[in-house]
Amino acid sequence: MTRTLLVAGTASHVGKSTVAAGLCRLFADSYDVAPFKAQNMSNNARAVTATVGPEPYGEVGVSQHVQARAARTPTTTDHNPVLLKPRGDGESQLVVNGRPLANVAAGAYYDDYWEEARAAAVAAHDRLASTADVVVAEGAGSIAEPNLLHRDLANVETARFGDADILLVADIERGGVFAHVVGTLELMPDDLESRVVGVVITKFRGSRDLLDPGIEELEARTGVPVLGVIPYDDPGLPEEDSVGIPDAMTGLETDEPGAGVTVGVVRFSHISSATDVGPLADAPGVSVRYLAPNAPLDCDALVLPGTKNTVDDLRELQAADFGDRLADFEGPVVGICGGYQMLGERLLGADVEGTGETETVDGFGLLPVETTFSPEKRVTQTTVTVEGAGPLAGATGETTGYEIHAGDTRRLGDVPAPLGPDSARVGGVLGTYLHGLFENDAVRQAFLDGVFASAGVERPTDDAEDVNPYDAAARLVGEHVDTRPLEP
């Protein structure tokens, strides 16, 4: 019989995704494992195999893709059947079974789409449970919000329709961890509280014996065992959402000052697929700095990433005179998805908020392309042959990635298309729809070689041993958590 284990939290950003990924990899050594998150809210998504519907691909949140890889199973839309992608102003794009259904405000979602979303989540869970020994389900936020208990799909409903045992994760770095656990257990519905099989405390810095008196008191008070205390560590898994990205004002770095070169990343207000730049930050001698619209371009290369709202973010940049600084920038520039659209001459069919009309918006004009928006959304996995030149000079062979975008971009002249017909390059400026670009070793190495060369800095040798983040998460959990009560 399949066991569903719900990894729930006392709050958001307490380490649920890391614990779930670690458990997926640990269990995958002995069992068939399926990750699951009934409802996710994230603009970091992946194009994966669709389980239902006529389209071959659909979207899921990046954490479920990560957990599927940790579980050594191909990612499908069943792993995250309901995805909400924030658009701003309290509205999100609702994605069900991998395909966009509607743009909804929170009230409209619960009034008009809740039952459909719940049915999709139940069906997806049942399909996973029919073949897996264990379903590792990740909750969302806190499992004990009294105002949400009647419509909490990722936590309460998953525990009930999945007949799940619950592992409660609490973050000690925020302070008050024991109060968080006791308060969460007190506020949970009785039928859910009885399902809690243990507590894991995360992000601990210091000596474990300092916690022992508090743990003993917690266990005596609640009757729930503390199964582990995980030290503060980062296994290198991609961030699920923009909470983990600096809110740049003048530019914040993800690496120590003094790195050999700096790659600037424009911190859009509606940034999406920010995980695209993660592989660059992991390279020796490379610092990734997130730049606000009004920040100086004090970097050696520049990436304009994806955005959930291209036009609004473009206008914000234009209001900050970003285009003037961009025109004077001499290093390599890469625009991905929405960032690519901004680098073009113009964007046609842009929505005029609240009017139902459309207009044409000027881009930055660094690439001779124009983008036409339409209601259709392209979601697919892609393989292209690289024609290495400009920012990718020296790259050869095939490159894989994925596309998730609205809008069709066409070239207005005979310019190189180094990453397939939807791409464009002029000199050191490259535009592409290919997410996951820098996960390809040949492309990443060629790009960084070019950045170091243009900056006149010698690139350091990478002697560090590659660390598999899935194994790192498994070690982190396995060494510090008693997983025996959690196994099927």
Protein backbone atom coordinates (compact mmCIF):
# COMPACT_ATOMS: atom_id res chain seq x y z
CA MET A 1 0.00 0.00 0.00
CA THR A 2 1.31 3.45 -0.91
CA ARG A 3 2.21 5.78 1.92
CA THR A 4 1.76 9.53 1.46
CA LEU A 5 4.04 11.65 3.63
CA LEU A 6 3.17 15.35 3.78
CA VAL A 7 6.15 17.60 4.54
CA ALA A 8 4.34 20.56 6.07
CA GLY A 9 5.68 23.73 7.66
CA THR A 10 5.05 26.13 10.50
CA ALA A 11 5.60 28.99 8.02
CA SER A 12 6.83 29.79 4.54
CA HIS A 13 10.51 29.36 3.63
CA VAL A 14 11.30 27.03 6.54
CA GLY A 15 13.06 24.41 4.41
CA LYS A 16 10.20 22.16 3.29
CA SER A 17 11.49 21.90 -0.28
CA THR A 18 14.98 20.86 0.86
CA VAL A 19 13.65 18.28 3.32
CA ALA A 20 11.26 16.88 0.70
CA ALA A 21 14.03 16.65 -1.91
CA GLY A 22 16.35 14.96 0.57
CA LEU A 23 13.70 12.41 1.48
CA CYS A 24 12.94 11.76 -2.19
CA ARG A 25 16.58 10.87 -2.86
CA LEU A 26 16.96 8.79 0.32
CA PHE A 27 13.80 6.79 -0.31
CA ALA A 28 14.61 6.37 -4.02
CA ASP A 29 17.47 4.05 -3.06
CA SER A 30 14.92 1.45 -1.88
CA TYR A 31 11.47 2.45 -3.13
CA ASP A 32 9.54 3.90 -6.05
CA VAL A 33 9.05 7.54 -5.05
CA ALA A 34 6.76 10.24 -6.44
CA PRO A 35 7.00 13.91 -5.36
CA PHE A 36 3.76 15.89 -5.17
CA LYS A 37 2.56 19.39 -4.42
CA ALA A 38 -1.15 19.83 -4.94
CA GLN A 39 -0.97 23.60 -5.28
CA ASN A 40 2.10 25.74 -5.73
CA MET A 41 2.59 29.48 -6.14
CA SER A 42 5.74 30.31 -8.09
CA ASN A 43 6.96 32.05 -11.21
CA ASN A 44 9.88 29.63 -11.40
CA ALA A 45 8.42 26.87 -13.57
CA ARG A 46 9.58 24.04 -15.82
CA ALA A 47 8.13 22.59 -19.01
CA VAL A 48 7.58 18.86 -18.39
CA THR A 49 5.61 15.93 -19.80
CA ALA A 50 1.86 16.46 -19.54
CA THR A 51 -0.11 13.58 -18.04
CA VAL A 52 -3.56 14.66 -19.20
CA GLY A 53 -4.83 16.77 -22.09
CA PRO A 54 -3.93 17.03 -25.77
CA GLU A 55 -0.65 18.95 -25.36
CA PRO A 56 2.59 17.01 -24.85
CA TYR A 57 4.05 19.45 -22.30
CA GLY A 58 2.86 21.50 -19.37
CA GLU A 59 4.20 23.60 -16.50
CA VAL A 60 5.07 22.68 -12.94
CA GLY A 61 6.83 24.59 -10.17
CA VAL A 62 10.60 24.17 -10.21
CA SER A 63 10.68 22.49 -6.79
CA GLN A 64 8.65 19.54 -8.01
CA HIS A 65 10.98 19.18 -11.00
CA VAL A 66 13.91 19.19 -8.55
CA GLN A 67 12.20 16.63 -6.30
CA ALA A 68 11.40 14.38 -9.27
CA ARG A 69 15.06 14.42 -10.27
CA ALA A 70 15.97 13.64 -6.67
CA ALA A 71 13.51 10.73 -6.79
CA ARG A 72 15.04 9.55 -10.09
CA THR A 73 11.71 9.74 -11.89
CA PRO A 74 10.69 11.76 -14.97
CA THR A 75 8.80 14.93 -14.06
CA THR A 76 5.15 15.12 -15.11
CA THR A 77 2.35 17.58 -14.51
CA ASP A 78 0.90 15.15 -11.93
CA HIS A 79 3.70 16.20 -9.59
CA ASN A 80 2.21 19.71 -9.37
CA PRO A 81 -1.34 19.72 -10.80
CA VAL A 82 -2.24 23.26 -9.70
CA LEU A 83 0.19 26.16 -10.17
CA LEU A 84 -0.52 29.83 -9.49
CA LYS A 85 1.88 32.24 -11.23
CA PRO A 86 1.63 35.77 -9.72
CA ARG A 87 1.08 38.58 -12.23
CA GLY A 88 0.92 41.47 -9.75
CA ASP A 89 -1.95 43.47 -8.25
CA GLY A 90 -3.32 40.40 -6.47
CA GLU A 91 -3.85 38.44 -9.69
CA SER A 92 -2.30 35.13 -10.74
CA GLN A 93 -2.35 32.96 -13.81
CA LEU A 94 -4.02 29.68 -12.85
CA VAL A 95 -2.36 26.63 -14.40
CA VAL A 96 -4.19 23.30 -14.03
CA ASN A 97 -2.66 20.04 -15.22
CA GLY A 98 0.15 22.06 -16.75
CA ARG A 99 -1.93 24.37 -18.96
CA PRO A 100 -3.09 27.96 -18.27
CA LEU A 101 -6.78 28.12 -17.41
CA ALA A 102 -7.43 31.75 -16.47
CA ASN A 103 -6.03 34.90 -14.89
CA VAL A 104 -7.72 35.14 -11.51
CA ALA A 105 -7.75 37.17 -8.33
CA ALA A 106 -7.69 35.19 -5.10
CA GLY A 107 -11.43 35.56 -4.50
CA ALA A 108 -12.35 34.48 -8.01
CA TYR A 109 -10.08 31.44 -7.74
CA TYR A 110 -11.85 30.14 -4.67
CA ASP A 111 -15.32 31.10 -5.92
CA ASP A 112 -15.05 29.86 -9.51
CA TYR A 113 -12.17 27.38 -9.85
CA TRP A 114 -11.60 25.76 -6.46
CA GLU A 115 -13.59 22.60 -7.08
CA GLU A 116 -11.95 22.05 -10.47
CA ALA A 117 -8.50 22.58 -8.98
CA ARG A 118 -9.20 20.20 -6.10
CA ALA A 119 -10.49 17.52 -8.45
CA ALA A 120 -7.36 17.81 -10.56
CA ALA A 121 -5.17 17.48 -7.46
CA VAL A 122 -7.03 14.41 -6.19
CA ALA A 123 -6.82 12.70 -9.59
CA ALA A 124 -3.11 13.49 -9.94
CA HIS A 125 -2.35 12.14 -6.47
CA ASP A 126 -4.32 8.96 -7.15
CA ARG A 127 -2.41 8.37 -10.39
CA LEU A 128 0.92 8.77 -8.59
CA ALA A 129 -0.15 6.58 -5.69
CA SER A 130 -1.21 3.80 -8.05
CA THR A 131 2.42 3.13 -9.02
CA ALA A 132 4.61 4.56 -6.23
CA ASP A 133 5.56 3.04 -2.88
CA VAL A 134 5.68 6.47 -1.29
CA VAL A 135 4.37 9.89 -2.30
CA VAL A 136 6.43 12.70 -0.75
CA ALA A 137 4.03 15.62 -0.73
CA GLU A 138 5.22 19.15 0.00
CA GLY A 139 2.91 21.57 1.75
CA ALA A 140 2.77 25.33 1.25
CA GLY A 141 3.32 28.08 3.80
CA SER A 142 1.89 27.19 7.18
CA ILE A 143 -0.40 24.24 7.71
CA ALA A 144 -2.26 26.03 10.51
CA GLU A 145 -3.84 29.20 9.12
CA PRO A 146 -7.36 29.35 10.63
CA ASN A 147 -8.68 31.56 7.80
CA LEU A 148 -7.53 29.08 5.15
CA LEU A 149 -8.22 25.67 6.69
CA HIS A 150 -11.42 25.18 4.69
CA ARG A 151 -9.65 25.72 1.35
CA ASP A 152 -6.01 24.76 1.93
CA LEU A 153 -5.31 22.46 -1.00
CA ALA A 154 -1.57 21.94 -0.48
CA ASN A 155 -1.85 21.12 3.23
CA VAL A 156 -5.22 20.26 4.72
CA GLU A 157 -6.86 18.78 1.64
CA THR A 158 -3.73 16.83 0.66
CA ALA A 159 -3.50 15.32 4.14
CA ARG A 160 -7.11 14.23 3.94
CA PHE A 161 -7.50 12.94 0.39
CA GLY A 162 -4.01 11.40 0.53
CA ASP A 163 -4.58 9.82 3.95
CA ALA A 164 -1.16 11.28 4.71
CA ASP A 165 1.14 11.16 7.67
CA ILE A 166 2.60 14.58 8.42
CA LEU A 167 6.19 15.66 9.08
CA LEU A 168 6.23 19.17 10.53
CA VAL A 169 9.21 21.39 9.58
CA ALA A 170 10.12 24.43 11.68
CA ASP A 171 12.86 27.02 11.09
CA ILE A 172 14.92 27.92 14.18
CA GLU A 173 16.73 30.82 12.47
CA ARG A 174 13.64 33.00 12.79
CA GLY A 175 13.58 32.49 16.58
CA GLY A 176 10.73 31.12 18.67
CA VAL A 177 10.87 27.67 17.08
CA PHE A 178 9.28 25.87 20.04
CA ALA A 179 6.41 28.33 20.19
CA HIS A 180 5.95 27.93 16.43
CA VAL A 181 5.63 24.16 16.77
CA VAL A 182 3.31 24.25 19.77
CA GLY A 183 1.14 26.95 18.22
CA THR A 184 0.94 25.12 14.90
CA LEU A 185 -0.12 21.87 16.56
CA GLU A 186 -2.68 23.74 18.65
CA LEU A 187 -4.23 25.45 15.61
CA MET A 188 -4.31 22.38 13.35
CA PRO A 189 -7.63 20.54 12.97
CA ASP A 190 -7.79 17.56 15.33
CA ASP A 191 -7.79 15.02 12.52
CA LEU A 192 -4.59 16.52 11.11
CA GLU A 193 -2.83 16.90 14.47
CA SER A 194 -3.25 13.18 15.07
CA ARG A 195 -1.43 12.51 11.78
CA VAL A 196 1.78 14.30 12.81
CA VAL A 197 4.52 11.66 13.17
CA GLY A 198 7.37 13.99 13.96
CA VAL A 199 9.03 17.41 13.87
CA VAL A 200 12.22 18.47 12.13
CA ILE A 201 13.98 21.68 13.15
CA THR A 202 15.96 23.34 10.33
CA LYS A 203 18.65 26.02 9.87
CA PHE A 204 20.32 25.47 13.24
CA ARG A 205 23.66 27.14 14.01
CA GLY A 206 25.44 25.96 17.13
CA SER A 207 25.75 22.99 19.43
CA ARG A 208 22.85 20.54 19.46
CA ASP A 209 23.07 19.98 23.21
CA LEU A 210 21.97 23.58 23.76
CA LEU A 211 18.61 22.61 22.30
CA ASP A 212 18.07 19.42 24.26
CA PRO A 213 16.17 20.95 27.22
CA GLY A 214 13.78 22.70 24.83
CA ILE A 215 13.29 19.54 22.77
CA GLU A 216 12.53 17.51 25.89
CA GLU A 217 9.96 20.09 26.99
CA LEU A 218 8.41 20.19 23.52
CA GLU A 219 8.07 16.41 23.32
CA ALA A 220 6.63 16.21 26.83
CA ARG A 221 4.13 18.98 26.12
CA THR A 222 2.95 17.74 22.71
CA GLY A 223 3.70 14.03 22.62
CA VAL A 224 5.27 14.52 19.16
CA PRO A 225 8.88 13.39 18.74
CA VAL A 226 11.56 15.67 17.32
CA LEU A 227 13.11 13.46 14.65
CA GLY A 228 16.02 15.70 13.83
CA VAL A 229 17.80 19.04 13.91
CA ILE A 230 19.29 20.02 10.55
CA PRO A 231 22.21 22.46 10.60
CA TYR A 232 22.20 25.60 8.48
CA ASP A 233 23.50 24.51 5.09
CA ASP A 234 22.65 25.03 1.43
CA PRO A 235 22.76 21.89 -0.72
CA GLY A 236 22.50 24.06 -3.86
CA LEU A 237 18.92 23.35 -4.91
CA PRO A 238 17.20 26.02 -7.06
CA GLU A 239 15.01 28.54 -5.27
CA GLU A 240 11.28 27.90 -5.62
CA ASP A 241 10.32 31.56 -5.85
CA SER A 242 11.64 35.11 -5.59
CA VAL A 243 11.73 35.04 -1.77
CA GLY A 244 15.30 33.78 -2.05
CA ILE A 245 16.35 36.49 -4.52
CA PRO A 246 17.72 39.77 -3.14
CA ASP A 247 15.38 42.75 -3.31
CA ALA A 248 18.01 44.78 -5.13
CA MET A 249 18.14 48.49 -4.51
CA THR A 250 21.57 49.30 -5.86
CA GLY A 251 22.70 45.73 -6.50
CA LEU A 252 23.28 42.84 -4.10
CA GLU A 253 25.77 40.04 -4.68
CA THR A 254 25.36 36.30 -4.24
CA ASP A 255 29.09 35.76 -3.86
CA GLU A 256 31.91 37.30 -1.89
CA PRO A 257 33.22 40.71 -2.99
CA GLY A 258 36.35 40.55 -5.07
CA ALA A 259 35.25 37.77 -7.40
CA GLY A 260 37.00 37.80 -10.76
CA VAL A 261 34.00 38.94 -12.82
CA THR A 262 30.47 40.09 -12.05
CA VAL A 263 27.36 39.08 -13.98
CA GLY A 264 24.59 41.59 -13.44
CA VAL A 265 20.99 40.32 -13.45
CA VAL A 266 18.18 42.84 -13.76
CA ARG A 267 15.85 42.38 -10.79
CA PHE A 268 12.45 42.83 -12.46
CA SER A 269 9.46 43.42 -10.22
CA HIS A 270 7.77 40.42 -11.88
CA ILE A 271 10.91 38.30 -12.33
CA SER A 272 10.34 34.67 -13.34
CA SER A 273 12.54 31.66 -14.09
CA ALA A 274 15.26 33.35 -12.04
CA THR A 275 16.86 29.92 -11.64
CA ASP A 276 18.32 30.42 -15.15
CA VAL A 277 21.32 32.25 -13.68
CA GLY A 278 21.98 29.79 -10.84
CA PRO A 279 24.66 27.81 -12.73
CA LEU A 280 26.62 31.03 -13.32
CA ALA A 281 26.73 31.82 -9.61
CA ASP A 282 28.21 28.39 -8.90
CA ALA A 283 31.26 28.99 -11.13
CA PRO A 284 34.58 29.92 -9.45
CA GLY A 285 35.51 33.57 -9.77
CA VAL A 286 31.97 34.62 -10.74
CA SER A 287 29.73 36.88 -8.71
CA VAL A 288 26.07 37.31 -9.64
CA ARG A 289 24.69 40.70 -8.69
CA TYR A 290 20.98 41.55 -8.83
CA LEU A 291 20.44 45.08 -10.12
CA ALA A 292 17.50 47.37 -9.52
CA PRO A 293 16.14 49.31 -12.54
CA ASN A 294 17.94 52.47 -11.44
CA ALA A 295 21.25 50.79 -10.53
CA PRO A 296 24.46 51.55 -12.43
CA LEU A 297 25.54 48.72 -14.73
CA ASP A 298 28.73 48.13 -12.79
CA CYS A 299 29.26 44.58 -14.05
CA ASP A 300 31.15 42.65 -16.72
CA ALA A 301 28.13 40.97 -18.35
CA LEU A 302 24.40 41.52 -18.14
CA VAL A 303 21.43 39.14 -18.13
CA LEU A 304 17.84 40.29 -18.62
CA PRO A 305 15.88 37.28 -17.28
CA GLY A 306 12.29 36.16 -17.69
CA THR A 307 9.34 38.11 -16.37
CA LYS A 308 5.68 37.33 -15.79
CA ASN A 309 4.74 40.81 -16.99
CA THR A 310 7.07 41.97 -19.75
CA VAL A 311 5.35 45.27 -20.53
CA ASP A 312 5.05 46.52 -16.94
CA ASP A 313 8.68 45.63 -16.18
CA LEU A 314 9.82 47.23 -19.45
CA ARG A 315 8.02 50.45 -18.57
CA GLU A 316 9.58 50.43 -15.11
CA LEU A 317 13.04 50.17 -16.69
CA GLN A 318 12.26 52.91 -19.18
CA ALA A 319 11.08 55.21 -16.39
CA ALA A 320 14.44 54.65 -14.67
CA ASP A 321 16.36 55.54 -17.90
CA PHE A 322 17.73 52.00 -18.01
CA GLY A 323 17.88 52.12 -21.81
CA ASP A 324 20.53 54.86 -21.81
CA ARG A 325 22.79 52.84 -19.51
CA LEU A 326 22.13 49.69 -21.54
CA ALA A 327 23.12 51.43 -24.79
CA ASP A 328 26.45 52.43 -23.24
CA PHE A 329 27.16 48.99 -21.76
CA GLU A 330 30.13 47.30 -23.45
CA GLY A 331 30.03 43.78 -22.02
CA PRO A 332 28.07 40.73 -23.25
CA VAL A 333 24.28 41.00 -22.90
CA VAL A 334 21.88 38.03 -22.84
CA GLY A 335 18.11 38.42 -22.80
CA ILE A 336 16.06 35.33 -21.93
CA CYS A 337 12.33 35.12 -22.70
CA GLY A 338 10.78 38.41 -21.49
CA GLY A 339 14.26 39.94 -21.31
CA TYR A 340 14.74 38.99 -24.97
CA GLN A 341 11.46 40.64 -25.91
CA MET A 342 12.58 43.88 -24.24
CA LEU A 343 15.81 43.97 -26.26
CA GLY A 344 13.85 44.14 -29.52
CA GLU A 345 12.48 47.07 -31.51
CA ARG A 346 8.90 46.86 -30.34
CA LEU A 347 6.19 44.79 -28.65
CA LEU A 348 2.83 44.62 -30.40
CA GLY A 349 -0.52 43.68 -28.91
CA ALA A 350 0.45 44.73 -25.40
CA ASP A 351 -2.52 44.92 -23.02
CA VAL A 352 -3.63 48.34 -21.86
CA GLU A 353 -4.56 47.64 -18.27
CA GLY A 354 -8.28 47.80 -17.56
CA THR A 355 -9.37 48.79 -21.09
CA GLY A 356 -9.39 45.52 -23.04
CA GLU A 357 -7.41 47.33 -25.77
CA THR A 358 -3.87 46.78 -27.00
CA GLU A 359 -1.01 49.04 -28.01
CA THR A 360 2.54 48.97 -29.33
CA VAL A 361 5.38 49.52 -26.87
CA ASP A 362 8.94 50.38 -27.91
CA GLY A 363 11.72 48.07 -26.75
CA PHE A 364 15.36 48.97 -26.24
CA GLY A 365 16.22 48.41 -29.90
CA LEU A 366 19.43 46.42 -29.43
CA LEU A 367 18.09 43.54 -31.55
CA PRO A 368 16.18 43.89 -34.87
CA VAL A 369 13.19 41.83 -33.74
CA GLU A 370 9.59 42.50 -32.82
CA THR A 371 7.25 40.52 -30.58
CA THR A 372 3.52 40.12 -31.09
CA PHE A 373 1.50 39.03 -28.08
CA SER A 374 -1.49 36.71 -28.29
CA PRO A 375 -3.56 34.65 -25.82
CA GLU A 376 -1.72 31.48 -26.86
CA LYS A 377 1.12 30.29 -24.64
CA ARG A 378 4.04 28.17 -25.81
CA VAL A 379 5.12 25.46 -23.36
CA THR A 380 7.64 22.96 -24.68
CA GLN A 381 10.99 21.29 -24.25
CA THR A 382 13.49 22.34 -26.91
CA THR A 383 16.74 21.12 -28.45
CA VAL A 384 18.70 23.42 -30.78
CA THR A 385 22.07 23.36 -32.50
CA VAL A 386 24.35 26.10 -31.19
CA GLU A 387 26.07 28.38 -33.66
CA GLY A 388 28.69 29.75 -31.30
CA ALA A 389 29.45 33.44 -31.78
CA GLY A 390 29.16 36.66 -29.80
CA PRO A 391 28.43 35.84 -26.13
CA LEU A 392 28.55 32.11 -26.96
CA ALA A 393 31.74 32.10 -29.07
CA GLY A 394 33.26 28.64 -29.04
CA ALA A 395 30.09 26.77 -28.08
CA THR A 396 29.15 23.90 -30.38
CA GLY A 397 26.79 20.95 -30.50
CA GLU A 398 23.22 20.61 -29.33
CA THR A 399 21.74 22.50 -26.41
CA THR A 400 18.57 21.57 -24.55
CA GLY A 401 16.18 23.68 -22.52
CA TYR A 402 12.54 24.62 -22.31
CA GLU A 403 10.23 27.43 -23.36
CA ILE A 404 7.34 28.98 -21.43
CA HIS A 405 6.16 32.21 -23.00
CA ALA A 406 3.40 34.21 -24.59
CA GLY A 407 4.29 36.15 -27.71
CA ASP A 408 5.86 35.40 -31.08
CA THR A 409 9.19 37.04 -31.89
CA ARG A 410 10.38 37.47 -35.47
CA ARG A 411 13.62 38.85 -36.86
CA LEU A 412 13.32 41.98 -38.99
CA GLY A 413 16.56 41.47 -40.88
CA ASP A 414 19.20 38.96 -41.83
CA VAL A 415 20.81 38.56 -38.41
CA PRO A 416 22.33 35.42 -36.87
CA ALA A 417 20.05 33.06 -34.95
CA PRO A 418 22.58 31.13 -32.83
CA LEU A 419 20.02 29.22 -30.75
CA GLY A 420 17.38 28.34 -33.32
CA PRO A 421 15.01 30.44 -35.44
CA ASP A 422 13.41 32.19 -32.43
CA SER A 423 16.77 33.65 -31.31
CA ALA A 424 18.77 36.64 -32.52
CA ARG A 425 22.24 38.09 -32.06
CA VAL A 426 23.90 41.38 -32.92
CA GLY A 427 27.53 41.65 -31.81
CA GLY A 428 27.69 40.86 -28.11
CA VAL A 429 23.91 41.02 -27.60
CA LEU A 430 21.97 37.74 -27.66
CA GLY A 431 18.26 37.05 -27.28
CA THR A 432 16.65 33.64 -26.78
CA TYR A 433 13.53 31.95 -25.43
CA LEU A 434 15.57 29.01 -24.14
CA HIS A 435 15.28 28.67 -20.37
CA GLY A 436 17.87 26.42 -18.76
CA LEU A 437 20.45 27.78 -21.20
CA PHE A 438 23.31 27.92 -18.70
CA GLU A 439 22.64 24.43 -17.39
CA ASN A 440 24.31 23.23 -20.60
CA ASP A 441 28.01 22.90 -19.84
CA ALA A 442 29.33 23.89 -23.29
CA VAL A 443 27.18 27.02 -23.41
CA ARG A 444 27.98 28.05 -19.85
CA GLN A 445 31.72 27.56 -20.29
CA ALA A 446 31.77 29.46 -23.58
CA PHE A 447 29.77 32.35 -22.10
CA LEU A 448 32.00 32.62 -19.03
CA ASP A 449 35.17 32.34 -21.12
CA GLY A 450 33.90 35.32 -23.10
CA VAL A 451 33.00 37.31 -19.98
CA PHE A 452 36.45 36.82 -18.45
CA ALA A 453 38.14 37.65 -21.77
CA SER A 454 36.15 40.84 -22.34
CA ALA A 455 36.84 41.91 -18.75
CA GLY A 456 40.56 41.25 -19.18
CA VAL A 457 40.57 38.90 -16.19
CA GLU A 458 42.21 35.49 -16.08
CA ARG A 459 39.65 32.79 -15.46
CA PRO A 460 40.49 30.62 -12.44
CA THR A 461 40.79 26.87 -12.79
CA ASP A 462 37.81 24.96 -11.44
CA ASP A 463 39.40 22.30 -9.26
CA ALA A 464 36.38 21.86 -7.01
CA GLU A 465 34.64 18.51 -7.05
CA ASP A 466 31.15 18.69 -8.54
CA VAL A 467 28.56 18.38 -5.79
CA ASN A 468 25.29 16.77 -6.78
CA PRO A 469 22.64 18.89 -4.99
CA TYR A 470 20.24 15.94 -4.71
CA ASP A 471 22.84 13.82 -2.96
CA ALA A 472 23.82 16.82 -0.84
CA ALA A 473 20.20 17.28 0.28
CA ALA A 474 19.97 13.54 1.01
CA ARG A 475 23.11 13.66 3.14
CA LEU A 476 21.87 16.72 5.00
CA VAL A 477 18.60 15.00 5.88
CA GLY A 478 19.97 11.49 6.30
CA GLU A 479 22.74 12.49 8.71
CA HIS A 480 20.53 14.61 10.95
CA VAL A 481 17.03 13.10 10.82
CA ASP A 482 15.77 9.74 12.05
CA THR A 483 13.94 8.72 8.87
CA ARG A 484 12.83 5.30 10.08
CA PRO A 485 9.37 6.50 11.19
CA LEU A 486 8.91 8.13 7.76
CA GLU A 487 9.62 5.15 5.51
CA PRO A 488 6.83 3.17 3.74
